[in-house]
Amino acid sequence: MSPELGFGVAAAVLVALMAISVLRMAIGPTVADRAVALDTVNTLVVTTMVLLGAATGLVVLVDVAIVYALLSFVGMLYIARYLEGGLK
């Protein structure tokens, strides 16, 4: 199997997993379930960006993925604090 095909298959699997997580976010019975699904989608987006950066040789995609992961982490902290009732 060629490396390009392998990267394409891996990216397709990650996109399918994102779709499942988005579905879980839509039907999650509680807000906490939706927050976990959103965090999962963010993690899969970062993974996909790193994978595509490795496939294309564009280092800037890895840099963008790192910044996106940091912003996602901070956003999840705010969501968790809001769910605990800390933000008013």
C-alpha atoms as a PDB file:
ATOM      1  CA  MET A   1       0.000   0.000   0.000  1.00  0.00           C
ATOM      2  CA  SER A   2       1.346   3.434  -0.916  1.00  0.00           C
ATOM      3  CA  PRO A   3       1.820   6.030   1.816  1.00  0.00           C
ATOM      4  CA  GLU A   4      -0.651   8.405   0.151  1.00  0.00           C
ATOM      5  CA  LEU A   5      -3.350   5.757   0.216  1.00  0.00           C
ATOM      6  CA  GLY A   6      -2.581   4.958   3.849  1.00  0.00           C
ATOM      7  CA  PHE A   7      -2.895   8.622   4.836  1.00  0.00           C
ATOM      8  CA  GLY A   8      -6.154   8.879   2.893  1.00  0.00           C
ATOM      9  CA  VAL A   9      -7.637   5.844   4.603  1.00  0.00           C
ATOM     10  CA  ALA A  10      -6.582   7.112   8.036  1.00  0.00           C
ATOM     11  CA  ALA A  11      -8.082  10.550   7.320  1.00  0.00           C
ATOM     12  CA  ALA A  12     -11.325   8.927   6.148  1.00  0.00           C
ATOM     13  CA  VAL A  13     -11.544   6.878   9.345  1.00  0.00           C
ATOM     14  CA  LEU A  14     -10.979  10.005  11.450  1.00  0.00           C
ATOM     15  CA  VAL A  15     -13.692  11.882   9.553  1.00  0.00           C
ATOM     16  CA  ALA A  16     -16.091   8.966  10.098  1.00  0.00           C
ATOM     17  CA  LEU A  17     -15.308   9.034  13.817  1.00  0.00           C
ATOM     18  CA  MET A  18     -15.968  12.783  13.835  1.00  0.00           C
ATOM     19  CA  ALA A  19     -19.368  12.177  12.258  1.00  0.00           C
ATOM     20  CA  ILE A  20     -20.219   9.655  14.978  1.00  0.00           C
ATOM     21  CA  SER A  21     -19.128  12.133  17.656  1.00  0.00           C
ATOM     22  CA  VAL A  22     -21.231  14.899  16.104  1.00  0.00           C
ATOM     23  CA  LEU A  23     -24.195  12.523  16.142  1.00  0.00           C
ATOM     24  CA  ARG A  24     -23.515  11.821  19.819  1.00  0.00           C
ATOM     25  CA  MET A  25     -23.341  15.565  20.445  1.00  0.00           C
ATOM     26  CA  ALA A  26     -26.752  15.989  18.829  1.00  0.00           C
ATOM     27  CA  ILE A  27     -28.499  13.205  20.748  1.00  0.00           C
ATOM     28  CA  GLY A  28     -26.600  13.335  24.039  1.00  0.00           C
ATOM     29  CA  PRO A  29     -29.114  13.226  26.873  1.00  0.00           C
ATOM     30  CA  THR A  30     -27.110  15.514  29.164  1.00  0.00           C
ATOM     31  CA  VAL A  31     -25.010  18.607  28.689  1.00  0.00           C
ATOM     32  CA  ALA A  32     -21.976  16.753  30.041  1.00  0.00           C
ATOM     33  CA  ASP A  33     -22.358  14.106  27.303  1.00  0.00           C
ATOM     34  CA  ARG A  34     -22.447  16.868  24.709  1.00  0.00           C
ATOM     35  CA  ALA A  35     -19.332  18.490  26.184  1.00  0.00           C
ATOM     36  CA  VAL A  36     -17.432  15.186  26.049  1.00  0.00           C
ATOM     37  CA  ALA A  37     -18.531  14.667  22.438  1.00  0.00           C
ATOM     38  CA  LEU A  38     -17.339  18.185  21.556  1.00  0.00           C
ATOM     39  CA  ASP A  39     -13.987  17.494  23.173  1.00  0.00           C
ATOM     40  CA  THR A  40     -13.755  14.262  21.195  1.00  0.00           C
ATOM     41  CA  VAL A  41     -14.464  16.124  17.949  1.00  0.00           C
ATOM     42  CA  ASN A  42     -11.786  18.684  18.804  1.00  0.00           C
ATOM     43  CA  THR A  43      -9.267  15.924  19.497  1.00  0.00           C
ATOM     44  CA  LEU A  44     -10.092  14.234  16.193  1.00  0.00           C
ATOM     45  CA  VAL A  45      -9.716  17.551  14.337  1.00  0.00           C
ATOM     46  CA  VAL A  46      -6.263  18.037  15.849  1.00  0.00           C
ATOM     47  CA  THR A  47      -5.311  14.466  14.947  1.00  0.00           C
ATOM     48  CA  THR A  48      -6.529  14.944  11.378  1.00  0.00           C
ATOM     49  CA  MET A  49      -4.580  18.179  10.994  1.00  0.00           C
ATOM     50  CA  VAL A  50      -1.377  16.534  12.225  1.00  0.00           C
ATOM     51  CA  LEU A  51      -1.962  13.560   9.932  1.00  0.00           C
ATOM     52  CA  LEU A  52      -2.571  15.774   6.904  1.00  0.00           C
ATOM     53  CA  GLY A  53       0.456  17.878   7.824  1.00  0.00           C
ATOM     54  CA  ALA A  54       2.579  14.735   7.814  1.00  0.00           C
ATOM     55  CA  ALA A  55       1.048  13.549   4.540  1.00  0.00           C
ATOM     56  CA  THR A  56       1.589  16.822   2.694  1.00  0.00           C
ATOM     57  CA  GLY A  57       4.801  17.892   4.395  1.00  0.00           C
ATOM     58  CA  LEU A  58       3.286  21.205   5.514  1.00  0.00           C
ATOM     59  CA  VAL A  59       4.672  21.955   8.955  1.00  0.00           C
ATOM     60  CA  VAL A  60       2.258  24.881   9.314  1.00  0.00           C
ATOM     61  CA  LEU A  61      -0.625  22.409   9.748  1.00  0.00           C
ATOM     62  CA  VAL A  62       1.070  20.976  12.815  1.00  0.00           C
ATOM     63  CA  ASP A  63       1.532  24.488  14.218  1.00  0.00           C
ATOM     64  CA  VAL A  64      -2.131  25.288  13.613  1.00  0.00           C
ATOM     65  CA  ALA A  65      -3.112  21.981  15.240  1.00  0.00           C
ATOM     66  CA  ILE A  66      -1.121  22.855  18.376  1.00  0.00           C
ATOM     67  CA  VAL A  67      -2.771  26.275  18.657  1.00  0.00           C
ATOM     68  CA  TYR A  68      -6.200  24.728  18.015  1.00  0.00           C
ATOM     69  CA  ALA A  69      -5.577  22.119  20.734  1.00  0.00           C
ATOM     70  CA  LEU A  70      -4.620  24.803  23.252  1.00  0.00           C
ATOM     71  CA  LEU A  71      -7.708  26.880  22.447  1.00  0.00           C
ATOM     72  CA  SER A  72      -9.871  23.764  22.636  1.00  0.00           C
ATOM     73  CA  PHE A  73      -8.441  22.923  26.051  1.00  0.00           C
ATOM     74  CA  VAL A  74      -9.139  26.409  27.395  1.00  0.00           C
ATOM     75  CA  GLY A  75     -12.661  26.259  25.955  1.00  0.00           C
ATOM     76  CA  MET A  76     -13.296  22.934  27.661  1.00  0.00           C
ATOM     77  CA  LEU A  77     -12.113  24.409  30.959  1.00  0.00           C
ATOM     78  CA  TYR A  78     -14.681  27.194  30.638  1.00  0.00           C
ATOM     79  CA  ILE A  79     -17.424  24.729  29.722  1.00  0.00           C
ATOM     80  CA  ALA A  80     -16.553  22.524  32.714  1.00  0.00           C
ATOM     81  CA  ARG A  81     -16.551  25.508  35.032  1.00  0.00           C
ATOM     82  CA  TYR A  82     -19.899  26.649  33.655  1.00  0.00           C
ATOM     83  CA  LEU A  83     -21.391  23.179  34.176  1.00  0.00           C
ATOM     84  CA  GLU A  84     -20.246  23.233  37.797  1.00  0.00           C
ATOM     85  CA  GLY A  85     -21.995  26.560  38.297  1.00  0.00           C
ATOM     86  CA  GLY A  86     -18.801  28.601  38.705  1.00  0.00           C
ATOM     87  CA  LEU A  87     -19.546  31.168  35.962  1.00  0.00           C
ATOM     88  CA  LYS A  88     -22.441  33.513  36.542  1.00  0.00           C
END
